[in-house]
Amino acid sequence: MPALYVMIPAALLLVGVAVYIFFWAVDSGQYDDLESPAHSILFDDQDPRHQAAVKPEETPAPDDKETPPRA
């Protein structure tokens, strides 16, 4: 019986902390967008056409085609 005097307040404290963390997560926007993380796994991390993915020594010339001479 004396164990109940310790366990019941500890359980209530634990539930109170869990409820506080849940409401903090909702207020801070943790549950605003539930769809994007599920779709982001379908895409590559680095897009080779994106400029940030190109290393400086691999930067292509701005125009690889020769321009025809003007008449």
N, C-alpha and C. Protein backbone atom coordinates (compact mmCIF):
# COMPACT_ATOMS: atom_id res chain seq x y z
N MET A 1 0.80 -1.20 0.00
CA MET A 1 0.00 0.00 0.00
C MET A 1 0.85 1.27 0.00
N PRO A 2 1.96 1.31 0.74
CA PRO A 2 2.78 2.53 0.70
C PRO A 2 3.36 2.81 -0.69
N ALA A 3 3.52 1.76 -1.51
CA ALA A 3 4.04 1.98 -2.86
C ALA A 3 3.07 2.79 -3.70
N LEU A 4 1.78 2.64 -3.44
CA LEU A 4 0.79 3.41 -4.19
C LEU A 4 0.90 4.90 -3.90
N TYR A 5 1.34 5.26 -2.71
CA TYR A 5 1.50 6.67 -2.37
C TYR A 5 2.62 7.32 -3.19
N VAL A 6 3.52 6.52 -3.69
CA VAL A 6 4.61 7.02 -4.52
C VAL A 6 4.27 6.88 -6.00
N MET A 7 3.68 5.76 -6.39
CA MET A 7 3.44 5.46 -7.79
C MET A 7 2.33 6.33 -8.41
N ILE A 8 1.26 6.61 -7.68
CA ILE A 8 0.17 7.41 -8.23
C ILE A 8 0.62 8.85 -8.52
N PRO A 9 1.29 9.54 -7.60
CA PRO A 9 1.77 10.89 -7.96
C PRO A 9 2.82 10.86 -9.07
N ALA A 10 3.65 9.82 -9.09
CA ALA A 10 4.64 9.73 -10.17
C ALA A 10 3.95 9.53 -11.52
N ALA A 11 2.90 8.71 -11.57
CA ALA A 11 2.17 8.50 -12.81
C ALA A 11 1.45 9.78 -13.24
N LEU A 12 0.87 10.50 -12.29
CA LEU A 12 0.22 11.76 -12.62
C LEU A 12 1.22 12.80 -13.13
N LEU A 13 2.38 12.83 -12.54
CA LEU A 13 3.44 13.74 -12.99
C LEU A 13 3.88 13.38 -14.41
N LEU A 14 4.04 12.11 -14.67
CA LEU A 14 4.45 11.65 -16.00
C LEU A 14 3.39 12.00 -17.05
N VAL A 15 2.13 11.81 -16.73
CA VAL A 15 1.05 12.17 -17.65
C VAL A 15 1.04 13.69 -17.87
N GLY A 16 1.24 14.45 -16.82
CA GLY A 16 1.28 15.91 -16.95
C GLY A 16 2.41 16.38 -17.85
N VAL A 17 3.57 15.77 -17.71
CA VAL A 17 4.71 16.12 -18.57
C VAL A 17 4.42 15.75 -20.02
N ALA A 18 3.82 14.59 -20.25
CA ALA A 18 3.49 14.15 -21.61
C ALA A 18 2.47 15.09 -22.25
N VAL A 19 1.47 15.51 -21.51
CA VAL A 19 0.47 16.45 -22.04
C VAL A 19 1.12 17.79 -22.34
N TYR A 20 2.00 18.27 -21.47
CA TYR A 20 2.70 19.53 -21.70
C TYR A 20 3.55 19.46 -22.98
N ILE A 21 4.28 18.37 -23.17
CA ILE A 21 5.12 18.22 -24.36
C ILE A 21 4.25 18.14 -25.62
N PHE A 22 3.11 17.46 -25.54
CA PHE A 22 2.22 17.39 -26.69
C PHE A 22 1.71 18.77 -27.08
N PHE A 23 1.22 19.55 -26.12
CA PHE A 23 0.72 20.88 -26.45
C PHE A 23 1.83 21.81 -26.91
N TRP A 24 3.03 21.66 -26.37
CA TRP A 24 4.17 22.45 -26.85
C TRP A 24 4.45 22.12 -28.32
N ALA A 25 4.41 20.84 -28.68
CA ALA A 25 4.68 20.43 -30.07
C ALA A 25 3.60 20.97 -31.01
N VAL A 26 2.36 20.95 -30.58
CA VAL A 26 1.28 21.47 -31.42
C VAL A 26 1.43 22.98 -31.59
N ASP A 27 1.73 23.69 -30.52
CA ASP A 27 1.87 25.15 -30.60
C ASP A 27 3.09 25.58 -31.41
N SER A 28 4.15 24.78 -31.40
CA SER A 28 5.36 25.18 -32.13
C SER A 28 5.33 24.76 -33.59
N GLY A 29 4.24 24.12 -34.04
CA GLY A 29 4.11 23.81 -35.46
C GLY A 29 4.66 22.47 -35.88
N GLN A 30 4.87 21.56 -34.97
CA GLN A 30 5.42 20.26 -35.32
C GLN A 30 4.46 19.44 -36.17
N TYR A 31 3.18 19.68 -36.06
CA TYR A 31 2.18 18.90 -36.78
C TYR A 31 1.53 19.69 -37.91
N ASP A 32 2.13 20.78 -38.36
CA ASP A 32 1.53 21.60 -39.40
C ASP A 32 1.54 20.91 -40.76
N ASP A 33 2.64 20.27 -41.12
CA ASP A 33 2.76 19.67 -42.45
C ASP A 33 3.11 18.20 -42.28
N LEU A 34 2.13 17.34 -42.43
CA LEU A 34 2.35 15.91 -42.26
C LEU A 34 2.60 15.21 -43.59
N GLU A 35 2.37 15.87 -44.72
CA GLU A 35 2.49 15.23 -46.02
C GLU A 35 3.89 15.35 -46.62
N SER A 36 4.57 16.47 -46.45
CA SER A 36 5.87 16.68 -47.09
C SER A 36 6.93 15.66 -46.68
N PRO A 37 7.08 15.32 -45.40
CA PRO A 37 8.10 14.33 -45.07
C PRO A 37 7.83 12.97 -45.72
N ALA A 38 6.57 12.62 -45.92
CA ALA A 38 6.27 11.34 -46.56
C ALA A 38 6.64 11.36 -48.03
N HIS A 39 6.53 12.51 -48.67
CA HIS A 39 6.86 12.61 -50.09
C HIS A 39 8.35 12.88 -50.32
N SER A 40 9.03 13.43 -49.35
CA SER A 40 10.43 13.80 -49.56
C SER A 40 11.34 12.58 -49.72
N ILE A 41 10.91 11.42 -49.27
CA ILE A 41 11.73 10.22 -49.42
C ILE A 41 11.78 9.78 -50.88
N LEU A 42 10.84 10.25 -51.69
CA LEU A 42 10.79 9.86 -53.09
C LEU A 42 11.78 10.63 -53.96
N PHE A 43 12.34 11.70 -53.45
CA PHE A 43 13.22 12.56 -54.24
C PHE A 43 14.67 12.38 -53.81
N ASP A 44 15.58 12.62 -54.75
CA ASP A 44 17.01 12.54 -54.45
C ASP A 44 17.40 13.69 -53.54
N ASP A 45 18.44 13.46 -52.76
CA ASP A 45 18.93 14.51 -51.87
C ASP A 45 19.59 15.63 -52.66
N GLN A 46 20.34 15.26 -53.70
CA GLN A 46 21.04 16.26 -54.49
C GLN A 46 20.58 16.18 -55.93
N ASP A 47 20.11 17.28 -56.44
CA ASP A 47 19.71 17.37 -57.83
C ASP A 47 20.95 17.77 -58.62
N PRO A 48 21.39 16.97 -59.59
CA PRO A 48 22.63 17.31 -60.31
C PRO A 48 22.49 18.60 -61.12
N ARG A 49 21.28 19.01 -61.46
CA ARG A 49 21.08 20.25 -62.21
C ARG A 49 21.05 21.47 -61.32
N HIS A 50 20.99 21.26 -60.02
CA HIS A 50 20.93 22.39 -59.09
C HIS A 50 22.33 22.98 -58.94
N GLN A 51 22.44 24.30 -58.90
CA GLN A 51 23.74 24.96 -58.87
C GLN A 51 24.52 24.67 -57.59
N ALA A 52 23.85 24.41 -56.49
CA ALA A 52 24.54 24.14 -55.23
C ALA A 52 25.21 22.76 -55.26
N ALA A 53 24.71 21.86 -56.12
CA ALA A 53 25.29 20.52 -56.19
C ALA A 53 26.53 20.47 -57.07
N VAL A 54 26.77 21.51 -57.87
CA VAL A 54 27.92 21.55 -58.77
C VAL A 54 29.12 22.07 -58.02
N LYS A 55 30.21 21.32 -58.08
CA LYS A 55 31.44 21.75 -57.43
C LYS A 55 32.08 22.87 -58.25
N PRO A 56 32.84 23.75 -57.62
CA PRO A 56 33.41 24.89 -58.36
C PRO A 56 34.29 24.47 -59.54
N GLU A 57 35.06 23.40 -59.45
CA GLU A 57 35.93 23.02 -60.54
C GLU A 57 35.16 22.35 -61.68
N GLU A 58 33.91 21.97 -61.44
CA GLU A 58 33.10 21.33 -62.47
C GLU A 58 32.12 22.30 -63.11
N THR A 59 32.21 23.57 -62.80
CA THR A 59 31.27 24.54 -63.32
C THR A 59 31.41 24.62 -64.84
N PRO A 60 30.33 24.36 -65.58
CA PRO A 60 30.42 24.44 -67.04
C PRO A 60 30.49 25.88 -67.51
N ALA A 61 31.02 26.04 -68.72
CA ALA A 61 31.10 27.38 -69.31
C ALA A 61 29.68 27.88 -69.54
N PRO A 62 29.47 29.19 -69.50
CA PRO A 62 28.12 29.71 -69.65
C PRO A 62 27.51 29.37 -71.01
N ASP A 63 28.33 29.31 -72.06
CA ASP A 63 27.79 29.01 -73.39
C ASP A 63 28.80 28.10 -74.10
N ASP A 64 28.49 26.84 -74.22
CA ASP A 64 29.40 25.90 -74.87
C ASP A 64 29.31 25.96 -76.40
N LYS A 65 28.24 26.52 -76.92
CA LYS A 65 28.06 26.60 -78.37
C LYS A 65 28.81 27.81 -78.90
N GLU A 66 29.34 27.65 -80.09
CA GLU A 66 30.00 28.79 -80.73
C GLU A 66 28.95 29.70 -81.32
N THR A 67 29.11 30.97 -81.11
CA THR A 67 28.15 31.91 -81.68
C THR A 67 28.58 32.20 -83.11
N PRO A 68 27.61 32.22 -84.03
CA PRO A 68 27.96 32.50 -85.42
C PRO A 68 28.39 33.96 -85.57
N PRO A 69 29.32 34.22 -86.48
CA PRO A 69 29.77 35.61 -86.67
C PRO A 69 28.63 36.48 -87.19
N ARG A 70 28.64 37.69 -86.73
CA ARG A 70 27.61 38.64 -87.17
C ARG A 70 27.89 39.11 -88.59
N ALA A 71 26.84 39.31 -89.34
CA ALA A 71 27.00 39.76 -90.72
C ALA A 71 26.99 41.26 -90.82
